Structure formats: structure tokens, C-alpha cells
Amino acid sequence: MKPLLVTSLLFCCSVVRPLPQPGRVVNCDDADVHEAANVAVQHINSHHNTGYKFTLNRVEKVFLRPSGLGDIIFMELDLLETKCPSKSPIPVSDCEVRPVAEQAVEGDCDVKLQNQSGTFTVISTRCKSELDSAENMRMYPDRPLLAPLNDSQVVHAVDVSLHKFNGGNNTAFYLLHEIGRGSIQSGISNSVHVEFVIAASNCTVDEANSGTAACVEQTGAGAHFGACSGSVVKSPGAVDEEVIAQCTVYEPQPEKTGALQVPLAPPQTNVVSRFHHNLHDPSMGPHSSESNSAEQLLAFRAGHAHRRSLTGNPVPSLPLCPGRKIHF
């Protein structure tokens, strides 16, 4: 009887685990794929609180994994920097994409979403961004490369441009919120071109000029920002430099829900040099994830997968990934 008992115990304790269900490959240019990708881009922009907004350029990969609460979607996205600062109220769909000639910034993101009956919810993101290489800029020999944001000439150009704007403004006194971009072009005359974001302070121009009040950025409902561009040109033999400043002040906007608000001081010469605001800056906060990498989760047997759209309907033709480039 003992051998039978042992055999019975062994049989009852052995578990047959089912094989994992294969994922489903979808077409990177399906309309619902782009819909999900745009939801992810909107989420990324809402938590990227520095620099500029990004727009979708191409869907690189898509992988679906069934779950009890709807499909889990893993995507690899290529993004491009626009000319709209993060503080701009303009929808990213209306923002001009930064052209290659201005040394465009490209972003790469792994995103994880959940699809519940056609409603997409972002679970996590992991992003990085980098400048177009100097080698690619050789086709634009007359365009200068970006200078570090803390370059002394860039900082000076921002200071004098903001001073000129405040000098012609008779309402609020504006402070520098952050420097966005800067370039230096040397030649017969030296010219510095900058882009920066300003923030309204609690001071009037008269209060600021008289030094009777400590001016700080407005916060809460009174906070509002503006986007500026400035040029400072020093011609040979000229005593003074020529300063041109243009600013567009936005209407007060509600703070981004869930965004990590990081006060940014003007760049100083003793900080680490950087040329652009990277997508993995601290402003991404806890919504940036290093764990749910699409690269790890894209390791599946494509030969065992079934072609579907995100809605589950069969789609013709072979898988098309990566998708087409929307811009360049």
C-alpha cells in the first residue's frame, strides 16, 4: 500500500502549467494604432514640464498581450520636438515641428497602455531624446549648431532680451523661467540667437525697477507664461550691441495634472552643460518607468502570432513595422 500512496501523492502534486498565450502583431500604421500612440504622446507631453512639446513621427513597433481587463499594448515610438514650449497652451497638433536645419531633437519612447473597449490608458513610459548629429548638419553650412544652455553668451543674450521686453511692457514684470535653446554664429559680426520662457512675477514694472519688492514667479491661478525669442548682434566697430526681442504671453493656464512642478533657476556657468531639455528630465516624475521596456516585451515568436488590429478585427497584408514617417 505504501508504494501506491507515494504514487498517488506524486500524481496529485504535479501541476501542468499552460503555455503562455502568444501575442498579436498589428500594423504600425493602423488608424487605431496611431490613436493609441497619440494618447501616449499627449500623456508624455503632459508630464514633460521643461523644454518643448513633442509630436509623433513614427510608430516603430507594436505588440499586444491579452489580459483579463483588455489588451496590454507595448509600443516603441519616434517623436520629434516642436517649436511649442512645454508651457504653451497650443495643442501639439497645431505646433510647428522643429526643422532639421535648426538641429532638431528626436525622442525615443517605450510606452505601455491598456485598451479597454477602445479606450486607451497609459500605464508607463520610458523616454530619451537626443540632438540630430553635427554630421547631419553639414548640409546646412550656414546654420550654427546649438550652444550649451549655460554658455555665457547665451545667458547674456537672454538677459538683455528679457530686459528689453520688460522695458517696453507696462503691466507685469516678467522673470526668466528657463532657457530653451541658444546658438552662436561668428563671422563679420557675432550674433547670438536664443529662445526662452518667461513667467509673470508678483511685481509691476515700477516695483521691480524701484527695488521696493522681492519679485518671484506667480503661482497657482495667477501663474502665466510666455515664449520669447531674442537676437543679440555685435557688429565690428560698433559700441553697442543690437538687441531684438519678441515675446508672446500666454493666457493663464491651469497647472498640468500630475506634473511634477520643478522650479527652474536661470542656468549658471558652473552647472553641467547641456544642449537641450531631455525627455527623461526629472519633470517626467513617477510616470517615467525604467522597468516595462517594450524591447524586453517584444521578444516573442512572430511566426506564432496572429495579425489583428487593436480592435481585434482581422487585417490584410503582411505586418508593416516600422510605420511610415509622418514628418522626416
C-alpha atoms as a PDB file:
ATOM      1  CA  MET A   1       0.000   0.000   0.000  1.00  0.00           C
ATOM      2  CA  LYS A   2       2.850   2.393   0.683  1.00  0.00           C
ATOM      3  CA  PRO A   3       4.080   2.457  -2.897  1.00  0.00           C
ATOM      4  CA  LEU A   4       0.565   3.200  -4.067  1.00  0.00           C
ATOM      5  CA  LEU A   5       0.288   6.031  -1.558  1.00  0.00           C
ATOM      6  CA  VAL A   6       3.559   7.563  -2.692  1.00  0.00           C
ATOM      7  CA  THR A   7       2.491   7.318  -6.319  1.00  0.00           C
ATOM      8  CA  SER A   8      -0.824   8.933  -5.507  1.00  0.00           C
ATOM      9  CA  LEU A   9       0.856  11.811  -3.704  1.00  0.00           C
ATOM     10  CA  LEU A  10       3.249  12.414  -6.553  1.00  0.00           C
ATOM     11  CA  PHE A  11       0.376  12.453  -9.018  1.00  0.00           C
ATOM     12  CA  CYS A  12      -1.712  14.914  -7.024  1.00  0.00           C
ATOM     13  CA  CYS A  13       1.148  17.349  -6.526  1.00  0.00           C
ATOM     14  CA  SER A  14       2.302  17.575 -10.132  1.00  0.00           C
ATOM     15  CA  VAL A  15       0.929  20.641 -11.940  1.00  0.00           C
ATOM     16  CA  VAL A  16       0.683  21.035 -15.682  1.00  0.00           C
ATOM     17  CA  ARG A  17       1.228  24.731 -16.476  1.00  0.00           C
ATOM     18  CA  PRO A  18      -0.376  26.030 -19.689  1.00  0.00           C
ATOM     19  CA  LEU A  19       1.873  27.533 -22.310  1.00  0.00           C
ATOM     20  CA  PRO A  20       1.806  31.346 -22.449  1.00  0.00           C
ATOM     21  CA  GLN A  21      -0.667  32.695 -24.957  1.00  0.00           C
ATOM     22  CA  PRO A  22       1.126  34.200 -27.951  1.00  0.00           C
ATOM     23  CA  GLY A  23       0.869  37.929 -28.561  1.00  0.00           C
ATOM     24  CA  ARG A  24      -0.748  39.578 -31.561  1.00  0.00           C
ATOM     25  CA  VAL A  25       1.197  41.643 -34.068  1.00  0.00           C
ATOM     26  CA  VAL A  26      -0.531  44.659 -35.551  1.00  0.00           C
ATOM     27  CA  ASN A  27       0.194  47.065 -38.370  1.00  0.00           C
ATOM     28  CA  CYS A  28       2.135  50.111 -37.173  1.00  0.00           C
ATOM     29  CA  ASP A  29       0.119  52.384 -39.469  1.00  0.00           C
ATOM     30  CA  ASP A  30      -3.350  51.169 -38.488  1.00  0.00           C
ATOM     31  CA  ALA A  31      -5.624  54.065 -37.562  1.00  0.00           C
ATOM     32  CA  ASP A  32      -6.261  52.696 -34.072  1.00  0.00           C
ATOM     33  CA  VAL A  33      -2.520  52.208 -33.519  1.00  0.00           C
ATOM     34  CA  HIS A  34      -1.965  55.890 -34.273  1.00  0.00           C
ATOM     35  CA  GLU A  35      -4.866  56.766 -31.986  1.00  0.00           C
ATOM     36  CA  ALA A  36      -3.210  54.878 -29.133  1.00  0.00           C
ATOM     37  CA  ALA A  37       0.169  56.421 -29.983  1.00  0.00           C
ATOM     38  CA  ASN A  38      -1.284  59.936 -29.873  1.00  0.00           C
ATOM     39  CA  VAL A  39      -2.801  59.211 -26.452  1.00  0.00           C
ATOM     40  CA  ALA A  40       0.688  58.203 -25.313  1.00  0.00           C
ATOM     41  CA  VAL A  41       2.261  61.365 -26.778  1.00  0.00           C
ATOM     42  CA  GLN A  42      -0.349  63.517 -25.035  1.00  0.00           C
ATOM     43  CA  HIS A  43       0.498  61.785 -21.766  1.00  0.00           C
ATOM     44  CA  ILE A  44       4.235  62.282 -22.303  1.00  0.00           C
ATOM     45  CA  ASN A  45       3.788  65.980 -23.051  1.00  0.00           C
ATOM     46  CA  SER A  46       1.553  66.467 -20.023  1.00  0.00           C
ATOM     47  CA  HIS A  47       4.323  65.186 -17.759  1.00  0.00           C
ATOM     48  CA  HIS A  48       7.248  66.785 -19.580  1.00  0.00           C
ATOM     49  CA  ASN A  49       7.391  70.136 -17.839  1.00  0.00           C
ATOM     50  CA  THR A  50      10.517  71.621 -19.440  1.00  0.00           C
ATOM     51  CA  GLY A  51      11.681  72.404 -22.941  1.00  0.00           C
ATOM     52  CA  TYR A  52       9.319  71.794 -25.834  1.00  0.00           C
ATOM     53  CA  LYS A  53       6.357  69.619 -26.720  1.00  0.00           C
ATOM     54  CA  PHE A  54       6.946  66.512 -28.811  1.00  0.00           C
ATOM     55  CA  THR A  55       4.846  65.108 -31.629  1.00  0.00           C
ATOM     56  CA  LEU A  56       4.578  61.631 -33.141  1.00  0.00           C
ATOM     57  CA  ASN A  57       6.811  60.951 -36.113  1.00  0.00           C
ATOM     58  CA  ARG A  58       6.599  57.143 -36.457  1.00  0.00           C
ATOM     59  CA  VAL A  59       5.411  54.018 -34.702  1.00  0.00           C
ATOM     60  CA  GLU A  60       8.382  51.642 -34.648  1.00  0.00           C
ATOM     61  CA  LYS A  61       6.854  48.525 -33.097  1.00  0.00           C
ATOM     62  CA  VAL A  62       3.563  47.354 -31.618  1.00  0.00           C
ATOM     63  CA  PHE A  63       2.891  44.255 -29.545  1.00  0.00           C
ATOM     64  CA  LEU A  64      -0.373  43.232 -27.871  1.00  0.00           C
ATOM     65  CA  ARG A  65      -0.685  40.944 -24.874  1.00  0.00           C
ATOM     66  CA  PRO A  66      -4.174  39.774 -23.865  1.00  0.00           C
ATOM     67  CA  SER A  67      -5.219  40.299 -20.250  1.00  0.00           C
ATOM     68  CA  GLY A  68      -8.368  39.948 -18.207  1.00  0.00           C
ATOM     69  CA  LEU A  69      -9.007  43.707 -18.319  1.00  0.00           C
ATOM     70  CA  GLY A  70      -8.383  44.255 -22.012  1.00  0.00           C
ATOM     71  CA  ASP A  71      -5.290  44.093 -24.182  1.00  0.00           C
ATOM     72  CA  ILE A  72      -1.998  45.459 -22.913  1.00  0.00           C
ATOM     73  CA  ILE A  73      -0.217  47.359 -25.679  1.00  0.00           C
ATOM     74  CA  PHE A  74       3.536  47.851 -25.908  1.00  0.00           C
ATOM     75  CA  MET A  75       4.809  50.440 -28.382  1.00  0.00           C
ATOM     76  CA  GLU A  76       8.084  51.929 -29.487  1.00  0.00           C
ATOM     77  CA  LEU A  77       7.590  55.494 -30.729  1.00  0.00           C
ATOM     78  CA  ASP A  78       9.761  58.006 -32.572  1.00  0.00           C
ATOM     79  CA  LEU A  79       8.989  61.592 -31.579  1.00  0.00           C
ATOM     80  CA  LEU A  80      10.107  64.986 -32.870  1.00  0.00           C
ATOM     81  CA  GLU A  81      10.477  68.238 -30.976  1.00  0.00           C
ATOM     82  CA  THR A  82       8.099  71.039 -31.933  1.00  0.00           C
ATOM     83  CA  LYS A  83       8.526  74.792 -31.582  1.00  0.00           C
ATOM     84  CA  CYS A  84       5.867  74.991 -28.847  1.00  0.00           C
ATOM     85  CA  PRO A  85       7.335  75.283 -25.355  1.00  0.00           C
ATOM     86  CA  SER A  86       6.035  72.918 -22.735  1.00  0.00           C
ATOM     87  CA  LYS A  87       4.187  75.874 -21.168  1.00  0.00           C
ATOM     88  CA  SER A  88       2.377  76.708 -24.416  1.00  0.00           C
ATOM     89  CA  PRO A  89      -1.417  76.188 -24.434  1.00  0.00           C
ATOM     90  CA  ILE A  90      -1.337  75.422 -28.171  1.00  0.00           C
ATOM     91  CA  PRO A  91      -2.348  71.801 -28.915  1.00  0.00           C
ATOM     92  CA  VAL A  92       0.593  69.784 -30.165  1.00  0.00           C
ATOM     93  CA  SER A  93      -1.334  69.041 -33.373  1.00  0.00           C
ATOM     94  CA  ASP A  94      -1.079  72.759 -34.209  1.00  0.00           C
ATOM     95  CA  CYS A  95       2.593  73.119 -33.262  1.00  0.00           C
ATOM     96  CA  GLU A  96       5.244  73.539 -35.946  1.00  0.00           C
ATOM     97  CA  VAL A  97       7.786  70.716 -35.981  1.00  0.00           C
ATOM     98  CA  ARG A  98      11.366  71.822 -35.439  1.00  0.00           C
ATOM     99  CA  PRO A  99      13.066  71.602 -38.867  1.00  0.00           C
ATOM    100  CA  VAL A 100      16.264  69.676 -39.433  1.00  0.00           C
ATOM    101  CA  ALA A 101      18.097  72.905 -40.270  1.00  0.00           C
ATOM    102  CA  GLU A 102      17.655  74.009 -36.644  1.00  0.00           C
ATOM    103  CA  GLN A 103      19.320  70.831 -35.359  1.00  0.00           C
ATOM    104  CA  ALA A 104      16.139  69.020 -34.499  1.00  0.00           C
ATOM    105  CA  VAL A 105      15.715  66.955 -31.348  1.00  0.00           C
ATOM    106  CA  GLU A 106      14.393  63.418 -31.693  1.00  0.00           C
ATOM    107  CA  GLY A 107      12.780  61.354 -28.952  1.00  0.00           C
ATOM    108  CA  ASP A 108      12.519  57.597 -28.481  1.00  0.00           C
ATOM    109  CA  CYS A 109       9.865  56.228 -26.144  1.00  0.00           C
ATOM    110  CA  ASP A 110       8.784  52.816 -24.927  1.00  0.00           C
ATOM    111  CA  VAL A 111       5.179  53.024 -23.766  1.00  0.00           C
ATOM    112  CA  LYS A 112       2.756  50.606 -22.178  1.00  0.00           C
ATOM    113  CA  LEU A 113      -1.004  51.153 -22.495  1.00  0.00           C
ATOM    114  CA  GLN A 114      -4.201  49.323 -21.685  1.00  0.00           C
ATOM    115  CA  ASN A 115      -7.017  49.029 -24.190  1.00  0.00           C
ATOM    116  CA  GLN A 116     -10.457  48.624 -22.641  1.00  0.00           C
ATOM    117  CA  SER A 117     -13.172  48.611 -25.304  1.00  0.00           C
ATOM    118  CA  GLY A 118     -11.305  51.119 -27.444  1.00  0.00           C
ATOM    119  CA  THR A 119     -10.332  53.417 -24.552  1.00  0.00           C
ATOM    120  CA  PHE A 120      -6.568  53.720 -24.184  1.00  0.00           C
ATOM    121  CA  THR A 121      -4.940  54.374 -20.810  1.00  0.00           C
ATOM    122  CA  VAL A 122      -1.199  54.917 -20.390  1.00  0.00           C
ATOM    123  CA  ILE A 123       0.378  52.665 -17.778  1.00  0.00           C
ATOM    124  CA  SER A 124       4.026  53.673 -18.084  1.00  0.00           C
ATOM    125  CA  THR A 125       6.531  55.446 -20.308  1.00  0.00           C
ATOM    126  CA  ARG A 126      10.281  55.418 -20.730  1.00  0.00           C
ATOM    127  CA  CYS A 127      11.805  58.093 -22.958  1.00  0.00           C
ATOM    128  CA  LYS A 128      15.089  59.572 -24.052  1.00  0.00           C
ATOM    129  CA  SER A 129      15.956  62.262 -26.574  1.00  0.00           C
ATOM    130  CA  GLU A 130      18.998  63.455 -28.467  1.00  0.00           C
ATOM    131  CA  LEU A 131      20.062  66.132 -30.916  1.00  0.00           C
ATOM    132  CA  ASP A 132      20.484  65.485 -34.593  1.00  0.00           C
ATOM    133  CA  SER A 133      24.178  64.863 -35.150  1.00  0.00           C
ATOM    134  CA  ALA A 134      26.589  67.587 -36.236  1.00  0.00           C
ATOM    135  CA  GLU A 135      27.459  65.377 -39.215  1.00  0.00           C
ATOM    136  CA  ASN A 136      23.868  65.566 -40.492  1.00  0.00           C
ATOM    137  CA  MET A 137      24.010  69.340 -40.142  1.00  0.00           C
ATOM    138  CA  ARG A 138      26.780  69.627 -42.739  1.00  0.00           C
ATOM    139  CA  MET A 139      24.123  70.056 -45.406  1.00  0.00           C
ATOM    140  CA  TYR A 140      23.288  73.374 -43.715  1.00  0.00           C
ATOM    141  CA  PRO A 141      26.713  75.065 -43.525  1.00  0.00           C
ATOM    142  CA  ASP A 142      25.185  78.490 -42.842  1.00  0.00           C
ATOM    143  CA  ARG A 143      23.232  77.313 -39.780  1.00  0.00           C
ATOM    144  CA  PRO A 144      25.041  77.277 -36.424  1.00  0.00           C
ATOM    145  CA  LEU A 145      24.922  74.297 -34.089  1.00  0.00           C
ATOM    146  CA  LEU A 146      23.251  74.592 -30.723  1.00  0.00           C
ATOM    147  CA  ALA A 147      25.319  76.040 -27.902  1.00  0.00           C
ATOM    148  CA  PRO A 148      25.106  74.796 -24.291  1.00  0.00           C
ATOM    149  CA  LEU A 149      22.199  76.338 -22.416  1.00  0.00           C
ATOM    150  CA  ASN A 150      24.608  77.744 -19.828  1.00  0.00           C
ATOM    151  CA  ASP A 151      27.037  79.274 -22.350  1.00  0.00           C
ATOM    152  CA  SER A 152      27.929  82.779 -21.139  1.00  0.00           C
ATOM    153  CA  GLN A 153      26.966  84.384 -24.476  1.00  0.00           C
ATOM    154  CA  VAL A 154      23.615  82.573 -24.480  1.00  0.00           C
ATOM    155  CA  VAL A 155      22.870  83.622 -20.893  1.00  0.00           C
ATOM    156  CA  HIS A 156      23.837  87.237 -21.702  1.00  0.00           C
ATOM    157  CA  ALA A 157      21.605  87.286 -24.795  1.00  0.00           C
ATOM    158  CA  VAL A 158      18.657  86.033 -22.748  1.00  0.00           C
ATOM    159  CA  ASP A 159      19.273  88.618 -20.016  1.00  0.00           C
ATOM    160  CA  VAL A 160      19.416  91.619 -22.361  1.00  0.00           C
ATOM    161  CA  SER A 161      16.489  90.351 -24.470  1.00  0.00           C
ATOM    162  CA  LEU A 162      14.303  89.959 -21.388  1.00  0.00           C
ATOM    163  CA  HIS A 163      15.412  93.369 -20.113  1.00  0.00           C
ATOM    164  CA  LYS A 164      14.356  94.936 -23.413  1.00  0.00           C
ATOM    165  CA  PHE A 165      10.979  93.217 -23.311  1.00  0.00           C
ATOM    166  CA  ASN A 166      10.337  94.340 -19.743  1.00  0.00           C
ATOM    167  CA  GLY A 167      11.366  97.864 -20.710  1.00  0.00           C
ATOM    168  CA  GLY A 168       8.545  98.092 -23.227  1.00  0.00           C
ATOM    169  CA  ASN A 169       5.985  96.377 -21.026  1.00  0.00           C
ATOM    170  CA  ASN A 170       3.837  98.442 -18.646  1.00  0.00           C
ATOM    171  CA  THR A 171       1.971  95.646 -16.907  1.00  0.00           C
ATOM    172  CA  ALA A 172       3.541  92.738 -15.053  1.00  0.00           C
ATOM    173  CA  PHE A 173       7.269  92.332 -14.611  1.00  0.00           C
ATOM    174  CA  TYR A 174       8.464  89.069 -16.132  1.00  0.00           C
ATOM    175  CA  LEU A 175      11.184  86.776 -14.864  1.00  0.00           C
ATOM    176  CA  LEU A 176      13.181  84.169 -16.738  1.00  0.00           C
ATOM    177  CA  HIS A 177      11.640  80.733 -16.273  1.00  0.00           C
ATOM    178  CA  GLU A 178      14.004  78.705 -18.432  1.00  0.00           C
ATOM    179  CA  ILE A 179      16.295  78.918 -21.442  1.00  0.00           C
ATOM    180  CA  GLY A 180      15.084  76.694 -24.265  1.00  0.00           C
ATOM    181  CA  ARG A 181      17.715  76.965 -26.994  1.00  0.00           C
ATOM    182  CA  GLY A 182      20.706  79.052 -27.982  1.00  0.00           C
ATOM    183  CA  SER A 183      23.057  79.277 -30.948  1.00  0.00           C
ATOM    184  CA  ILE A 184      26.088  81.418 -31.701  1.00  0.00           C
ATOM    185  CA  GLN A 185      27.114  82.471 -35.194  1.00  0.00           C
ATOM    186  CA  SER A 186      30.529  84.005 -35.583  1.00  0.00           C
ATOM    187  CA  GLY A 187      31.711  85.893 -38.631  1.00  0.00           C
ATOM    188  CA  ILE A 188      31.996  89.511 -39.679  1.00  0.00           C
ATOM    189  CA  SER A 189      29.576  90.206 -36.857  1.00  0.00           C
ATOM    190  CA  ASN A 190      28.908  87.997 -33.864  1.00  0.00           C
ATOM    191  CA  SER A 191      25.238  87.063 -33.410  1.00  0.00           C
ATOM    192  CA  VAL A 192      23.572  85.044 -30.692  1.00  0.00           C
ATOM    193  CA  HIS A 193      20.040  83.686 -31.131  1.00  0.00           C
ATOM    194  CA  VAL A 194      18.065  82.417 -28.151  1.00  0.00           C
ATOM    195  CA  GLU A 195      14.666  81.048 -27.222  1.00  0.00           C
ATOM    196  CA  PHE A 196      13.415  81.206 -23.655  1.00  0.00           C
ATOM    197  CA  VAL A 197      10.305  81.049 -21.483  1.00  0.00           C
ATOM    198  CA  ILE A 198       9.252  83.868 -19.175  1.00  0.00           C
ATOM    199  CA  ALA A 199       6.950  83.859 -16.157  1.00  0.00           C
ATOM    200  CA  ALA A 200       4.901  86.702 -14.728  1.00  0.00           C
ATOM    201  CA  SER A 201       6.056  87.847 -11.301  1.00  0.00           C
ATOM    202  CA  ASN A 202       4.140  89.371  -8.409  1.00  0.00           C
ATOM    203  CA  CYS A 203       5.695  92.775  -9.220  1.00  0.00           C
ATOM    204  CA  THR A 204       4.754  95.583 -11.540  1.00  0.00           C
ATOM    205  CA  VAL A 205       7.483  97.027 -13.741  1.00  0.00           C
ATOM    206  CA  ASP A 206       7.683 100.103 -11.493  1.00  0.00           C
ATOM    207  CA  GLU A 207       8.040  97.992  -8.349  1.00  0.00           C
ATOM    208  CA  ALA A 208      10.758  95.919  -9.960  1.00  0.00           C
ATOM    209  CA  ASN A 209      12.676  98.984 -11.200  1.00  0.00           C
ATOM    210  CA  SER A 210      12.464 100.720  -7.834  1.00  0.00           C
ATOM    211  CA  GLY A 211      13.582  97.641  -5.946  1.00  0.00           C
ATOM    212  CA  THR A 212      10.788  98.055  -3.407  1.00  0.00           C
ATOM    213  CA  ALA A 213       9.586  94.466  -3.648  1.00  0.00           C
ATOM    214  CA  ALA A 214      11.039  90.974  -3.885  1.00  0.00           C
ATOM    215  CA  CYS A 215       9.832  89.665  -7.214  1.00  0.00           C
ATOM    216  CA  VAL A 216       9.010  85.977  -7.526  1.00  0.00           C
ATOM    217  CA  GLU A 217       7.081  83.913 -10.059  1.00  0.00           C
ATOM    218  CA  GLN A 218       3.324  83.917  -9.742  1.00  0.00           C
ATOM    219  CA  THR A 219       1.931  80.517  -8.846  1.00  0.00           C
ATOM    220  CA  GLY A 220      -1.489  78.930  -8.774  1.00  0.00           C
ATOM    221  CA  ALA A 221      -4.311  80.681 -10.595  1.00  0.00           C
ATOM    222  CA  GLY A 222      -2.185  83.779 -11.213  1.00  0.00           C
ATOM    223  CA  ALA A 223       0.634  81.920 -12.953  1.00  0.00           C
ATOM    224  CA  HIS A 224       1.117  82.631 -16.613  1.00  0.00           C
ATOM    225  CA  PHE A 225       3.989  82.289 -19.003  1.00  0.00           C
ATOM    226  CA  GLY A 226       5.256  83.482 -22.343  1.00  0.00           C
ATOM    227  CA  ALA A 227       7.571  82.350 -25.122  1.00  0.00           C
ATOM    228  CA  CYS A 228      10.340  84.642 -26.316  1.00  0.00           C
ATOM    229  CA  SER A 229      12.987  84.753 -28.992  1.00  0.00           C
ATOM    230  CA  GLY A 230      15.907  87.125 -28.949  1.00  0.00           C
ATOM    231  CA  SER A 231      18.885  88.088 -31.097  1.00  0.00           C
ATOM    232  CA  VAL A 232      21.968  89.985 -29.996  1.00  0.00           C
ATOM    233  CA  VAL A 233      24.294  91.186 -32.746  1.00  0.00           C
ATOM    234  CA  LYS A 234      27.648  92.889 -32.212  1.00  0.00           C
ATOM    235  CA  SER A 235      28.898  94.453 -35.448  1.00  0.00           C
ATOM    236  CA  PRO A 236      32.574  95.325 -35.990  1.00  0.00           C
ATOM    237  CA  GLY A 237      33.417  98.782 -34.697  1.00  0.00           C
ATOM    238  CA  ALA A 238      30.008  99.246 -33.048  1.00  0.00           C
ATOM    239  CA  VAL A 239      29.995 100.474 -29.469  1.00  0.00           C
ATOM    240  CA  ASP A 240      26.673  98.917 -28.560  1.00  0.00           C
ATOM    241  CA  GLU A 241      25.136  95.622 -29.496  1.00  0.00           C
ATOM    242  CA  GLU A 242      21.819  95.390 -31.300  1.00  0.00           C
ATOM    243  CA  VAL A 243      19.128  93.594 -29.320  1.00  0.00           C
ATOM    244  CA  ILE A 244      15.900  92.283 -30.830  1.00  0.00           C
ATOM    245  CA  ALA A 245      13.308  90.650 -28.574  1.00  0.00           C
ATOM    246  CA  GLN A 246       9.882  89.235 -29.358  1.00  0.00           C
ATOM    247  CA  CYS A 247       7.598  87.616 -26.795  1.00  0.00           C
ATOM    248  CA  THR A 248       4.178  86.034 -26.893  1.00  0.00           C
ATOM    249  CA  VAL A 249       2.498  85.990 -23.494  1.00  0.00           C
ATOM    250  CA  TYR A 250       0.000  83.196 -22.934  1.00  0.00           C
ATOM    251  CA  GLU A 251      -3.245  83.488 -21.047  1.00  0.00           C
ATOM    252  CA  PRO A 252      -3.139  81.922 -17.558  1.00  0.00           C
ATOM    253  CA  GLN A 253      -3.387  78.155 -17.841  1.00  0.00           C
ATOM    254  CA  PRO A 254      -4.258  75.575 -15.191  1.00  0.00           C
ATOM    255  CA  GLU A 255      -1.311  73.592 -13.948  1.00  0.00           C
ATOM    256  CA  LYS A 256      -0.782  70.218 -15.602  1.00  0.00           C
ATOM    257  CA  THR A 257      -2.469  67.498 -13.609  1.00  0.00           C
ATOM    258  CA  GLY A 258       0.083  65.124 -12.148  1.00  0.00           C
ATOM    259  CA  ALA A 259       3.069  67.032 -13.473  1.00  0.00           C
ATOM    260  CA  LEU A 260       5.987  67.405 -11.128  1.00  0.00           C
ATOM    261  CA  GLN A 261       6.478  71.145 -10.719  1.00  0.00           C
ATOM    262  CA  VAL A 262      10.208  71.827 -10.634  1.00  0.00           C
ATOM    263  CA  PRO A 263      11.281  75.464 -10.135  1.00  0.00           C
ATOM    264  CA  LEU A 264      14.000  76.199 -12.651  1.00  0.00           C
ATOM    265  CA  ALA A 265      16.635  78.830 -11.949  1.00  0.00           C
ATOM    266  CA  PRO A 266      18.478  80.538 -14.807  1.00  0.00           C
ATOM    267  CA  PRO A 267      21.396  78.356 -15.935  1.00  0.00           C
ATOM    268  CA  GLN A 268      24.709  79.179 -14.306  1.00  0.00           C
ATOM    269  CA  THR A 269      28.167  78.677 -15.729  1.00  0.00           C
ATOM    270  CA  ASN A 270      29.093  76.152 -13.015  1.00  0.00           C
ATOM    271  CA  VAL A 271      26.382  73.625 -13.893  1.00  0.00           C
ATOM    272  CA  VAL A 272      26.837  70.708 -16.257  1.00  0.00           C
ATOM    273  CA  SER A 273      26.497  71.846 -19.853  1.00  0.00           C
ATOM    274  CA  ARG A 274      23.606  70.516 -21.874  1.00  0.00           C
ATOM    275  CA  PHE A 275      22.253  71.462 -25.267  1.00  0.00           C
ATOM    276  CA  HIS A 276      18.563  70.605 -24.927  1.00  0.00           C
ATOM    277  CA  HIS A 277      15.918  69.573 -22.413  1.00  0.00           C
ATOM    278  CA  ASN A 278      15.940  65.791 -22.401  1.00  0.00           C
ATOM    279  CA  LEU A 279      12.716  63.812 -22.198  1.00  0.00           C
ATOM    280  CA  HIS A 280      13.965  61.957 -19.135  1.00  0.00           C
ATOM    281  CA  ASP A 281      14.361  65.172 -17.107  1.00  0.00           C
ATOM    282  CA  PRO A 282      13.001  64.995 -13.516  1.00  0.00           C
ATOM    283  CA  SER A 283       9.762  66.594 -14.695  1.00  0.00           C
ATOM    284  CA  MET A 284       8.646  63.213 -16.015  1.00  0.00           C
ATOM    285  CA  GLY A 285       8.262  62.247 -12.356  1.00  0.00           C
ATOM    286  CA  PRO A 286       6.968  58.839 -11.288  1.00  0.00           C
ATOM    287  CA  HIS A 287       5.211  58.299 -14.612  1.00  0.00           C
ATOM    288  CA  SER A 288       8.556  57.544 -16.238  1.00  0.00           C
ATOM    289  CA  SER A 289       9.313  53.846 -15.958  1.00  0.00           C
ATOM    290  CA  GLU A 290      12.592  52.013 -16.472  1.00  0.00           C
ATOM    291  CA  SER A 291      11.017  48.591 -15.968  1.00  0.00           C
ATOM    292  CA  ASN A 292       8.322  47.963 -18.569  1.00  0.00           C
ATOM    293  CA  SER A 293      10.625  48.128 -21.542  1.00  0.00           C
ATOM    294  CA  ALA A 294       8.993  47.401 -24.865  1.00  0.00           C
ATOM    295  CA  GLU A 295      12.283  45.905 -26.039  1.00  0.00           C
ATOM    296  CA  GLN A 296      12.018  43.160 -23.416  1.00  0.00           C
ATOM    297  CA  LEU A 297       8.340  42.547 -24.067  1.00  0.00           C
ATOM    298  CA  LEU A 298       8.712  42.485 -27.830  1.00  0.00           C
ATOM    299  CA  ALA A 299      10.666  39.231 -27.588  1.00  0.00           C
ATOM    300  CA  PHE A 300       8.052  36.884 -28.995  1.00  0.00           C
ATOM    301  CA  ARG A 301       7.705  34.446 -31.879  1.00  0.00           C
ATOM    302  CA  ALA A 302       6.249  36.419 -34.729  1.00  0.00           C
ATOM    303  CA  GLY A 303       5.577  33.179 -36.595  1.00  0.00           C
ATOM    304  CA  HIS A 304       3.065  32.147 -33.896  1.00  0.00           C
ATOM    305  CA  ALA A 305       1.300  35.498 -33.717  1.00  0.00           C
ATOM    306  CA  HIS A 306      -1.925  36.439 -35.451  1.00  0.00           C
ATOM    307  CA  ARG A 307      -2.408  39.662 -37.394  1.00  0.00           C
ATOM    308  CA  ARG A 308      -5.122  41.852 -35.867  1.00  0.00           C
ATOM    309  CA  SER A 309      -5.964  45.493 -35.390  1.00  0.00           C
ATOM    310  CA  LEU A 310      -6.220  46.872 -31.850  1.00  0.00           C
ATOM    311  CA  THR A 311      -9.969  46.319 -32.075  1.00  0.00           C
ATOM    312  CA  GLY A 312      -9.460  42.631 -32.805  1.00  0.00           C
ATOM    313  CA  ASN A 313     -10.601  42.657 -36.420  1.00  0.00           C
ATOM    314  CA  PRO A 314      -8.505  40.773 -38.993  1.00  0.00           C
ATOM    315  CA  VAL A 315      -6.380  42.970 -41.242  1.00  0.00           C
ATOM    316  CA  PRO A 316      -4.993  42.088 -44.665  1.00  0.00           C
ATOM    317  CA  SER A 317      -1.386  42.253 -45.893  1.00  0.00           C
ATOM    318  CA  LEU A 318       1.854  41.478 -44.112  1.00  0.00           C
ATOM    319  CA  PRO A 319       2.900  43.270 -40.917  1.00  0.00           C
ATOM    320  CA  LEU A 320       4.070  46.797 -41.650  1.00  0.00           C
ATOM    321  CA  CYS A 321       6.538  47.876 -38.982  1.00  0.00           C
ATOM    322  CA  PRO A 322       8.165  50.250 -38.560  1.00  0.00           C
ATOM    323  CA  GLY A 323       5.459  52.560 -39.832  1.00  0.00           C
ATOM    324  CA  ARG A 324       5.813  55.488 -42.190  1.00  0.00           C
ATOM    325  CA  LYS A 325       7.445  58.707 -41.080  1.00  0.00           C
ATOM    326  CA  ILE A 326       4.904  61.472 -40.641  1.00  0.00           C
ATOM    327  CA  HIS A 327       7.422  64.330 -40.877  1.00  0.00           C
ATOM    328  CA  PHE A 328      11.040  63.423 -41.699  1.00  0.00           C
END
